[in-house]
Protein backbone atom coordinates (compact mmCIF):
# COMPACT_ATOMS: atom_id res chain seq x y z
CA MET A 1 16.91 -7.28 -8.10
CA ASP A 2 15.40 -4.54 -10.84
CA ILE A 3 11.69 -4.17 -11.47
CA GLU A 4 10.32 -3.12 -14.83
CA ILE A 5 7.00 -1.51 -15.57
CA ASP A 6 5.94 -1.04 -18.47
CA GLU A 7 2.55 -0.12 -17.84
CA LEU A 8 0.28 1.09 -14.53
CA ILE A 9 -3.36 0.08 -15.12
CA ILE A 10 -5.62 1.70 -12.09
CA GLU A 11 -8.96 0.04 -11.62
CA GLU A 12 -12.29 2.59 -11.34
CA ASP A 13 -11.84 2.16 -7.28
CA ARG A 14 -8.34 2.92 -6.40
CA PRO A 15 -8.05 6.73 -6.80
CA SER A 16 -10.46 7.64 -3.95
CA HIS A 17 -8.17 4.58 -2.08
CA ILE A 18 -4.90 6.08 -3.25
CA ALA A 19 -5.77 9.58 -1.94
CA ARG A 20 -6.77 8.33 1.53
CA HIS A 21 -3.51 8.39 1.77
CA ASN A 22 -2.66 12.00 0.71
CA VAL A 23 -1.47 10.86 -2.14
CA THR A 24 -2.27 11.53 -5.78
CA VAL A 25 -2.71 8.80 -9.06
CA SER A 26 -0.22 11.14 -10.72
CA GLU A 27 1.83 11.03 -7.80
CA VAL A 28 1.86 7.23 -7.90
CA ALA A 29 2.66 7.60 -11.50
CA GLU A 30 5.75 9.68 -10.62
CA VAL A 31 7.12 7.34 -8.58
CA VAL A 32 6.67 4.21 -10.73
CA LYS A 33 8.75 5.93 -13.49
CA GLY A 34 11.17 7.56 -11.79
CA ASP A 35 14.15 6.63 -10.33
CA TYR A 36 13.87 5.69 -6.37
CA VAL A 37 15.76 4.70 -3.45
CA PHE A 38 14.77 2.33 -0.51
CA ILE A 39 15.91 3.09 2.98
CA GLN A 40 15.11 0.48 5.06
CA GLU A 41 15.08 1.28 9.36
CA ASN A 42 15.73 -0.82 12.32
CA ILE A 43 13.56 0.40 15.26
CA ILE A 44 15.96 -0.24 18.54
CA VAL A 45 13.28 -0.41 21.47
CA GLY A 46 14.53 -0.33 25.27
CA CYS A 47 17.82 0.86 24.88
């Protein structure tokens, strides 16, 4: 599935929330506009 984002709107209170995750607004914008790879991990416990 492809998703296209034309505009990223970040509300006034979001930069402080984003910063709590050790991420900047610029980094969020970079991920949104760039290519990415999603890797799903399966964790097996008690082998």
